N, C-alpha and C. Protein backbone atom coordinates (compact mmCIF):
# COMPACT_ATOMS: atom_id res chain seq x y z
N MET A 1 -124.75 64.41 -78.74
CA MET A 1 -123.93 64.14 -77.57
C MET A 1 -124.63 64.70 -76.34
N THR A 2 -124.45 63.98 -75.23
CA THR A 2 -125.05 64.45 -73.98
C THR A 2 -124.11 65.44 -73.32
N GLU A 3 -124.67 66.13 -72.33
CA GLU A 3 -123.87 67.12 -71.60
C GLU A 3 -122.68 66.45 -70.90
N GLU A 4 -122.88 65.24 -70.41
CA GLU A 4 -121.81 64.50 -69.73
C GLU A 4 -120.66 64.22 -70.68
N GLU A 5 -120.96 63.90 -71.95
CA GLU A 5 -119.92 63.60 -72.92
C GLU A 5 -119.18 64.86 -73.37
N LEU A 6 -119.85 66.00 -73.35
CA LEU A 6 -119.22 67.25 -73.76
C LEU A 6 -118.28 67.81 -72.70
N ARG A 7 -118.52 67.44 -71.45
CA ARG A 7 -117.73 67.99 -70.35
C ARG A 7 -116.31 67.44 -70.44
N THR A 8 -115.33 68.33 -70.42
CA THR A 8 -113.94 67.91 -70.48
C THR A 8 -113.40 67.74 -69.07
N PRO A 9 -112.42 66.87 -68.92
CA PRO A 9 -111.83 66.70 -67.59
C PRO A 9 -111.27 68.01 -67.08
N GLY A 10 -111.49 68.29 -65.82
CA GLY A 10 -110.99 69.52 -65.23
C GLY A 10 -111.91 70.71 -65.42
N SER A 11 -113.00 70.56 -66.18
CA SER A 11 -113.89 71.70 -66.39
C SER A 11 -115.06 71.68 -65.42
N ASP A 12 -115.09 70.74 -64.52
CA ASP A 12 -116.16 70.67 -63.53
C ASP A 12 -116.11 71.91 -62.65
N THR A 13 -117.21 72.62 -62.54
CA THR A 13 -117.22 73.86 -61.78
C THR A 13 -117.63 73.65 -60.33
N GLY A 14 -118.06 72.46 -59.98
CA GLY A 14 -118.48 72.19 -58.61
C GLY A 14 -117.28 72.04 -57.69
N PRO A 15 -117.54 72.08 -56.39
CA PRO A 15 -116.44 71.92 -55.43
C PRO A 15 -115.91 70.48 -55.49
N PRO A 16 -114.65 70.32 -55.16
CA PRO A 16 -114.09 68.96 -55.17
C PRO A 16 -114.77 68.12 -54.08
N PRO A 17 -114.89 66.84 -54.30
CA PRO A 17 -115.53 66.00 -53.29
C PRO A 17 -114.69 65.97 -52.01
N LEU A 18 -115.39 65.97 -50.88
CA LEU A 18 -114.69 65.93 -49.61
C LEU A 18 -114.15 64.53 -49.36
N THR A 19 -112.95 64.46 -48.83
CA THR A 19 -112.38 63.16 -48.47
C THR A 19 -112.24 63.10 -46.96
N ARG A 20 -112.48 61.95 -46.43
CA ARG A 20 -112.42 61.75 -44.98
C ARG A 20 -110.97 61.53 -44.58
N PRO A 21 -110.47 62.32 -43.61
CA PRO A 21 -109.10 62.12 -43.14
C PRO A 21 -108.94 60.75 -42.46
N ASN A 22 -107.72 60.23 -42.48
CA ASN A 22 -107.45 58.91 -41.90
C ASN A 22 -107.79 58.85 -40.42
N LEU A 23 -107.45 59.89 -39.67
CA LEU A 23 -107.74 59.88 -38.24
C LEU A 23 -109.24 59.82 -37.98
N LEU A 24 -110.02 60.56 -38.75
CA LEU A 24 -111.48 60.51 -38.59
C LEU A 24 -112.00 59.11 -38.92
N THR A 25 -111.45 58.49 -39.94
CA THR A 25 -111.84 57.12 -40.28
C THR A 25 -111.54 56.17 -39.13
N ILE A 26 -110.36 56.27 -38.55
CA ILE A 26 -109.98 55.40 -37.43
C ILE A 26 -110.88 55.65 -36.23
N LEU A 27 -111.13 56.91 -35.91
CA LEU A 27 -112.02 57.24 -34.77
C LEU A 27 -113.41 56.65 -34.98
N CYS A 28 -113.94 56.81 -36.17
CA CYS A 28 -115.28 56.30 -36.46
C CYS A 28 -115.32 54.78 -36.35
N ILE A 29 -114.31 54.11 -36.88
CA ILE A 29 -114.28 52.64 -36.81
C ILE A 29 -114.20 52.17 -35.36
N LEU A 30 -113.35 52.82 -34.56
CA LEU A 30 -113.27 52.46 -33.14
C LEU A 30 -114.60 52.70 -32.44
N THR A 31 -115.27 53.79 -32.80
CA THR A 31 -116.58 54.07 -32.20
C THR A 31 -117.61 53.05 -32.65
N PHE A 32 -117.59 52.67 -33.93
CA PHE A 32 -118.53 51.64 -34.41
C PHE A 32 -118.34 50.33 -33.64
N ILE A 33 -117.09 49.95 -33.44
CA ILE A 33 -116.81 48.69 -32.73
C ILE A 33 -117.30 48.78 -31.29
N ASN A 34 -116.90 49.83 -30.59
CA ASN A 34 -117.29 49.97 -29.18
C ASN A 34 -118.80 50.12 -29.03
N SER A 35 -119.40 50.99 -29.82
CA SER A 35 -120.85 51.21 -29.70
C SER A 35 -121.63 49.96 -30.06
N GLY A 36 -121.20 49.28 -31.11
CA GLY A 36 -121.91 48.08 -31.54
C GLY A 36 -121.84 46.96 -30.51
N LEU A 37 -120.64 46.68 -30.01
CA LEU A 37 -120.49 45.61 -29.03
C LEU A 37 -121.19 45.95 -27.71
N THR A 38 -121.07 47.20 -27.28
CA THR A 38 -121.72 47.58 -26.02
C THR A 38 -123.23 47.61 -26.18
N PHE A 39 -123.72 48.02 -27.33
CA PHE A 39 -125.17 47.98 -27.59
C PHE A 39 -125.69 46.55 -27.45
N ILE A 40 -125.02 45.62 -28.13
CA ILE A 40 -125.46 44.22 -28.09
C ILE A 40 -125.38 43.65 -26.68
N SER A 41 -124.26 43.88 -26.00
CA SER A 41 -124.12 43.32 -24.65
C SER A 41 -125.10 43.95 -23.68
N SER A 42 -125.37 45.24 -23.81
CA SER A 42 -126.34 45.90 -22.93
C SER A 42 -127.74 45.35 -23.13
N ILE A 43 -128.11 45.10 -24.38
CA ILE A 43 -129.43 44.52 -24.66
C ILE A 43 -129.53 43.13 -24.01
N PHE A 44 -128.50 42.31 -24.22
CA PHE A 44 -128.53 40.95 -23.65
C PHE A 44 -128.57 40.98 -22.12
N ILE A 45 -127.76 41.84 -21.51
CA ILE A 45 -127.76 41.92 -20.05
C ILE A 45 -129.11 42.41 -19.55
N GLY A 46 -129.69 43.40 -20.22
CA GLY A 46 -131.01 43.89 -19.82
C GLY A 46 -132.08 42.83 -19.92
N VAL A 47 -132.07 42.06 -21.00
CA VAL A 47 -133.08 41.02 -21.22
C VAL A 47 -132.88 39.86 -20.24
N PHE A 48 -131.64 39.46 -20.03
CA PHE A 48 -131.34 38.32 -19.17
C PHE A 48 -130.73 38.77 -17.85
N PHE A 49 -131.28 39.83 -17.29
CA PHE A 49 -130.68 40.45 -16.10
C PHE A 49 -130.62 39.49 -14.91
N ASP A 50 -131.67 38.74 -14.67
CA ASP A 50 -131.67 37.82 -13.53
C ASP A 50 -130.56 36.79 -13.64
N GLN A 51 -130.41 36.22 -14.82
CA GLN A 51 -129.34 35.24 -15.03
C GLN A 51 -127.96 35.91 -14.94
N PHE A 52 -127.88 37.14 -15.46
CA PHE A 52 -126.62 37.87 -15.42
C PHE A 52 -126.19 38.13 -13.98
N THR A 53 -127.12 38.53 -13.13
CA THR A 53 -126.75 38.82 -11.74
C THR A 53 -126.24 37.58 -11.01
N VAL A 54 -126.81 36.43 -11.29
CA VAL A 54 -126.35 35.19 -10.67
C VAL A 54 -124.91 34.90 -11.10
N ILE A 55 -124.65 34.97 -12.40
CA ILE A 55 -123.31 34.69 -12.91
C ILE A 55 -122.31 35.74 -12.43
N ALA A 56 -122.71 37.02 -12.48
CA ALA A 56 -121.81 38.10 -12.08
C ALA A 56 -121.49 38.03 -10.59
N THR A 57 -122.45 37.66 -9.77
CA THR A 57 -122.22 37.52 -8.33
C THR A 57 -121.24 36.38 -8.07
N ASP A 58 -121.42 35.27 -8.77
CA ASP A 58 -120.49 34.15 -8.63
C ASP A 58 -119.07 34.55 -9.03
N LEU A 59 -118.95 35.27 -10.15
CA LEU A 59 -117.64 35.72 -10.61
C LEU A 59 -117.02 36.71 -9.63
N ALA A 60 -117.82 37.63 -9.11
CA ALA A 60 -117.32 38.61 -8.15
C ALA A 60 -116.80 37.93 -6.90
N ASN A 61 -117.51 36.91 -6.42
CA ASN A 61 -117.08 36.19 -5.23
C ASN A 61 -115.84 35.33 -5.50
N LEU A 62 -115.82 34.68 -6.66
CA LEU A 62 -114.72 33.78 -7.00
C LEU A 62 -113.42 34.54 -7.25
N TYR A 63 -113.50 35.63 -8.03
CA TYR A 63 -112.30 36.36 -8.44
C TYR A 63 -112.10 37.68 -7.71
N LYS A 64 -112.97 37.99 -6.78
CA LYS A 64 -112.87 39.24 -5.99
C LYS A 64 -112.77 40.47 -6.90
N ILE A 65 -113.71 40.58 -7.83
CA ILE A 65 -113.74 41.70 -8.78
C ILE A 65 -114.43 42.88 -8.11
N PRO A 66 -113.70 43.99 -7.87
CA PRO A 66 -114.31 45.13 -7.20
C PRO A 66 -115.32 45.85 -8.10
N GLY A 67 -116.41 46.27 -7.52
CA GLY A 67 -117.41 47.06 -8.24
C GLY A 67 -118.46 46.26 -8.96
N LEU A 68 -118.23 44.97 -9.14
CA LEU A 68 -119.20 44.16 -9.88
C LEU A 68 -120.50 43.99 -9.09
N GLU A 69 -120.37 43.97 -7.76
CA GLU A 69 -121.58 43.84 -6.95
C GLU A 69 -122.50 45.05 -7.10
N MET A 70 -121.92 46.22 -7.36
CA MET A 70 -122.73 47.41 -7.58
C MET A 70 -123.62 47.23 -8.82
N ILE A 71 -123.06 46.67 -9.87
CA ILE A 71 -123.82 46.47 -11.12
C ILE A 71 -124.93 45.45 -10.91
N THR A 72 -124.64 44.40 -10.14
CA THR A 72 -125.65 43.37 -9.92
C THR A 72 -126.79 43.86 -9.04
N GLU A 73 -126.55 44.92 -8.28
CA GLU A 73 -127.61 45.49 -7.45
C GLU A 73 -128.42 46.54 -8.21
N GLY A 74 -128.04 46.81 -9.44
CA GLY A 74 -128.74 47.79 -10.26
C GLY A 74 -130.03 47.23 -10.83
N LYS A 75 -130.51 47.91 -11.84
CA LYS A 75 -131.76 47.51 -12.49
C LYS A 75 -131.51 47.31 -13.99
N PRO A 76 -132.35 46.49 -14.61
CA PRO A 76 -132.19 46.28 -16.06
C PRO A 76 -132.36 47.57 -16.86
N ALA A 77 -133.09 48.53 -16.32
CA ALA A 77 -133.32 49.79 -17.03
C ALA A 77 -132.00 50.48 -17.37
N PHE A 78 -131.01 50.37 -16.50
CA PHE A 78 -129.71 50.97 -16.77
C PHE A 78 -129.13 50.44 -18.08
N PHE A 79 -129.23 49.13 -18.27
CA PHE A 79 -128.65 48.51 -19.46
C PHE A 79 -129.43 48.86 -20.72
N PHE A 80 -130.74 49.00 -20.60
CA PHE A 80 -131.53 49.41 -21.76
C PHE A 80 -131.24 50.88 -22.13
N VAL A 81 -131.10 51.73 -21.13
CA VAL A 81 -130.74 53.13 -21.40
C VAL A 81 -129.35 53.19 -22.02
N ASN A 82 -128.43 52.40 -21.47
CA ASN A 82 -127.08 52.32 -22.01
C ASN A 82 -127.11 51.91 -23.49
N ALA A 83 -127.93 50.91 -23.81
CA ALA A 83 -128.03 50.43 -25.20
C ALA A 83 -128.51 51.55 -26.12
N VAL A 84 -129.51 52.28 -25.68
CA VAL A 84 -130.03 53.38 -26.49
C VAL A 84 -128.95 54.45 -26.69
N LEU A 85 -128.26 54.80 -25.62
CA LEU A 85 -127.22 55.84 -25.72
C LEU A 85 -126.06 55.40 -26.60
N TYR A 86 -125.70 54.13 -26.54
CA TYR A 86 -124.63 53.65 -27.43
C TYR A 86 -125.10 53.60 -28.89
N ALA A 87 -126.38 53.31 -29.10
CA ALA A 87 -126.92 53.37 -30.47
C ALA A 87 -126.86 54.80 -31.00
N VAL A 88 -127.20 55.76 -30.14
CA VAL A 88 -127.13 57.18 -30.53
C VAL A 88 -125.68 57.58 -30.80
N SER A 89 -124.78 57.12 -29.95
CA SER A 89 -123.36 57.42 -30.14
C SER A 89 -122.86 56.87 -31.47
N GLY A 90 -123.20 55.64 -31.77
CA GLY A 90 -122.82 55.04 -33.05
C GLY A 90 -123.44 55.76 -34.23
N SER A 91 -124.67 56.21 -34.06
CA SER A 91 -125.33 56.99 -35.12
C SER A 91 -124.61 58.30 -35.37
N GLY A 92 -124.18 58.95 -34.29
CA GLY A 92 -123.42 60.19 -34.43
C GLY A 92 -122.13 59.96 -35.19
N ALA A 93 -121.45 58.85 -34.89
CA ALA A 93 -120.21 58.52 -35.60
C ALA A 93 -120.50 58.24 -37.08
N PHE A 94 -121.61 57.57 -37.36
CA PHE A 94 -121.97 57.30 -38.76
C PHE A 94 -122.24 58.62 -39.51
N ILE A 95 -122.89 59.55 -38.86
CA ILE A 95 -123.14 60.86 -39.49
C ILE A 95 -121.82 61.57 -39.75
N MET A 96 -120.88 61.49 -38.77
CA MET A 96 -119.56 62.10 -38.99
C MET A 96 -118.78 61.37 -40.08
N TRP A 97 -118.99 60.06 -40.19
CA TRP A 97 -118.36 59.27 -41.27
C TRP A 97 -118.74 59.88 -42.61
N ASN A 98 -119.96 60.39 -42.70
CA ASN A 98 -120.44 61.04 -43.92
C ASN A 98 -120.13 62.53 -43.94
N LEU A 99 -119.24 62.95 -43.05
CA LEU A 99 -118.72 64.33 -42.98
C LEU A 99 -119.81 65.38 -42.72
N LYS A 100 -120.70 65.06 -41.81
CA LYS A 100 -121.76 66.00 -41.39
C LYS A 100 -121.51 66.41 -39.95
N LYS A 101 -121.53 67.73 -39.69
CA LYS A 101 -121.27 68.26 -38.35
C LYS A 101 -122.30 67.81 -37.32
N ASN A 102 -123.52 67.60 -37.74
CA ASN A 102 -124.56 67.20 -36.79
C ASN A 102 -124.16 65.94 -36.03
N GLY A 103 -123.41 65.07 -36.67
CA GLY A 103 -122.98 63.85 -36.02
C GLY A 103 -122.12 64.11 -34.80
N PHE A 104 -121.31 65.16 -34.86
CA PHE A 104 -120.48 65.51 -33.71
C PHE A 104 -121.34 65.88 -32.52
N HIS A 105 -122.38 66.65 -32.76
CA HIS A 105 -123.26 67.06 -31.66
C HIS A 105 -124.03 65.88 -31.09
N VAL A 106 -124.52 65.01 -31.97
CA VAL A 106 -125.23 63.80 -31.53
C VAL A 106 -124.29 62.93 -30.69
N TYR A 107 -123.09 62.71 -31.19
CA TYR A 107 -122.10 61.88 -30.50
C TYR A 107 -121.75 62.48 -29.13
N THR A 108 -121.49 63.78 -29.09
CA THR A 108 -121.07 64.43 -27.85
C THR A 108 -122.17 64.38 -26.80
N ILE A 109 -123.41 64.63 -27.19
CA ILE A 109 -124.52 64.55 -26.23
C ILE A 109 -124.65 63.13 -25.69
N ALA A 110 -124.53 62.14 -26.56
CA ALA A 110 -124.60 60.74 -26.11
C ALA A 110 -123.48 60.43 -25.12
N GLN A 111 -122.27 60.92 -25.39
CA GLN A 111 -121.16 60.66 -24.48
C GLN A 111 -121.37 61.32 -23.12
N ILE A 112 -121.89 62.52 -23.11
CA ILE A 112 -122.18 63.20 -21.84
C ILE A 112 -123.22 62.41 -21.04
N LEU A 113 -124.26 61.96 -21.72
CA LEU A 113 -125.29 61.18 -21.03
C LEU A 113 -124.76 59.83 -20.57
N LEU A 114 -123.86 59.22 -21.33
CA LEU A 114 -123.25 57.95 -20.91
C LEU A 114 -122.38 58.14 -19.66
N ILE A 115 -121.78 59.30 -19.52
CA ILE A 115 -120.99 59.59 -18.31
C ILE A 115 -121.91 59.81 -17.11
N LEU A 116 -123.04 60.45 -17.35
CA LEU A 116 -123.96 60.78 -16.25
C LEU A 116 -124.88 59.62 -15.85
N ALA A 117 -125.17 58.70 -16.75
CA ALA A 117 -126.14 57.63 -16.48
C ALA A 117 -125.78 56.79 -15.25
N PRO A 118 -124.53 56.34 -15.08
CA PRO A 118 -124.23 55.56 -13.88
C PRO A 118 -124.46 56.34 -12.59
N MET A 119 -124.22 57.63 -12.63
CA MET A 119 -124.46 58.45 -11.43
C MET A 119 -125.93 58.41 -11.05
N TYR A 120 -126.80 58.45 -12.03
CA TYR A 120 -128.24 58.44 -11.78
C TYR A 120 -128.71 57.06 -11.32
N PHE A 121 -128.33 56.03 -12.03
CA PHE A 121 -128.84 54.69 -11.74
C PHE A 121 -128.22 54.05 -10.50
N PHE A 122 -126.98 54.42 -10.18
CA PHE A 122 -126.30 53.79 -9.04
C PHE A 122 -126.04 54.77 -7.90
N ASN A 123 -126.61 55.97 -8.00
CA ASN A 123 -126.45 56.99 -6.95
C ASN A 123 -124.99 57.25 -6.59
N LEU A 124 -124.17 57.38 -7.62
CA LEU A 124 -122.76 57.65 -7.41
C LEU A 124 -122.54 59.14 -7.16
N PRO A 125 -121.55 59.50 -6.36
CA PRO A 125 -121.30 60.91 -6.07
C PRO A 125 -120.70 61.68 -7.24
N GLY A 126 -120.04 60.99 -8.17
CA GLY A 126 -119.42 61.66 -9.30
C GLY A 126 -119.18 60.69 -10.43
N PRO A 127 -118.81 61.24 -11.57
CA PRO A 127 -118.57 60.37 -12.74
C PRO A 127 -117.23 59.66 -12.63
N SER A 128 -117.06 58.65 -13.45
CA SER A 128 -115.81 57.91 -13.53
C SER A 128 -114.76 58.76 -14.25
N VAL A 129 -113.61 58.90 -13.63
CA VAL A 129 -112.53 59.68 -14.23
C VAL A 129 -112.10 59.04 -15.55
N PHE A 130 -112.03 57.72 -15.57
CA PHE A 130 -111.64 57.02 -16.80
C PHE A 130 -112.62 57.33 -17.94
N ASP A 131 -113.92 57.30 -17.64
CA ASP A 131 -114.93 57.61 -18.67
C ASP A 131 -114.78 59.04 -19.18
N ILE A 132 -114.50 59.96 -18.28
CA ILE A 132 -114.33 61.36 -18.69
C ILE A 132 -113.11 61.51 -19.59
N ILE A 133 -112.00 60.87 -19.22
CA ILE A 133 -110.78 60.99 -20.01
C ILE A 133 -110.97 60.35 -21.39
N LEU A 134 -111.54 59.13 -21.42
CA LEU A 134 -111.70 58.44 -22.70
C LEU A 134 -112.70 59.17 -23.61
N SER A 135 -113.86 59.50 -23.08
CA SER A 135 -114.86 60.21 -23.89
C SER A 135 -114.35 61.58 -24.30
N GLY A 136 -113.70 62.27 -23.37
CA GLY A 136 -113.16 63.59 -23.67
C GLY A 136 -112.12 63.55 -24.77
N THR A 137 -111.27 62.53 -24.74
CA THR A 137 -110.25 62.39 -25.79
C THR A 137 -110.90 62.21 -27.15
N PHE A 138 -111.91 61.34 -27.23
CA PHE A 138 -112.58 61.12 -28.51
C PHE A 138 -113.31 62.38 -28.97
N VAL A 139 -113.97 63.08 -28.06
CA VAL A 139 -114.69 64.31 -28.44
C VAL A 139 -113.70 65.35 -28.97
N VAL A 140 -112.58 65.50 -28.29
CA VAL A 140 -111.57 66.48 -28.74
C VAL A 140 -111.02 66.07 -30.10
N LEU A 141 -110.70 64.78 -30.28
CA LEU A 141 -110.16 64.34 -31.58
C LEU A 141 -111.20 64.49 -32.69
N TYR A 142 -112.45 64.17 -32.40
CA TYR A 142 -113.50 64.39 -33.40
C TYR A 142 -113.63 65.89 -33.72
N SER A 143 -113.52 66.73 -32.70
CA SER A 143 -113.72 68.17 -32.91
C SER A 143 -112.66 68.78 -33.82
N THR A 144 -111.49 68.15 -33.90
CA THR A 144 -110.46 68.69 -34.79
C THR A 144 -110.84 68.54 -36.26
N HIS A 145 -111.85 67.74 -36.54
CA HIS A 145 -112.30 67.54 -37.93
C HIS A 145 -113.57 68.33 -38.27
N LEU A 146 -114.05 69.13 -37.35
CA LEU A 146 -115.29 69.88 -37.61
C LEU A 146 -115.17 70.81 -38.80
N LYS A 147 -114.00 71.40 -39.00
CA LYS A 147 -113.84 72.35 -40.10
C LYS A 147 -113.98 71.69 -41.47
N LEU A 148 -113.79 70.37 -41.52
CA LEU A 148 -113.92 69.64 -42.78
C LEU A 148 -115.35 69.19 -43.06
N MET A 149 -116.19 69.24 -42.02
CA MET A 149 -117.55 68.73 -42.15
C MET A 149 -118.49 69.84 -42.56
N THR A 150 -119.59 69.44 -43.20
CA THR A 150 -120.59 70.42 -43.61
C THR A 150 -121.75 70.41 -42.66
């Protein structure tokens, strides 16, 4: 008989397997969706920036969308940097999905840089309050699961 066959149920001396809490699962899935879609759209906008600015300018004029002209006056580099940061953010969430603390740090650094990037590329005086509240909420909710992660 092998060692596996001799082992009786309940005699396993190792620690019980970690289970991912439901809230952490929901947070990770929401992050995967947001990071994935924003990564793809940022890549496309960066690659087709000239065409994007024409369409966005027409939409801004037609529907009077505030702030859209600021984006069209930017550079494609912003969208490529955004894509990289969203890929890093999604990677951090994937690491947390596997219950590793390092993912929290990767995710948090990416979120901080995503808040600061528009200030750098568009010479804004401060960050978006909405971005701070949304990113801050996710960071705080993720941080409540740090004690479960290794």
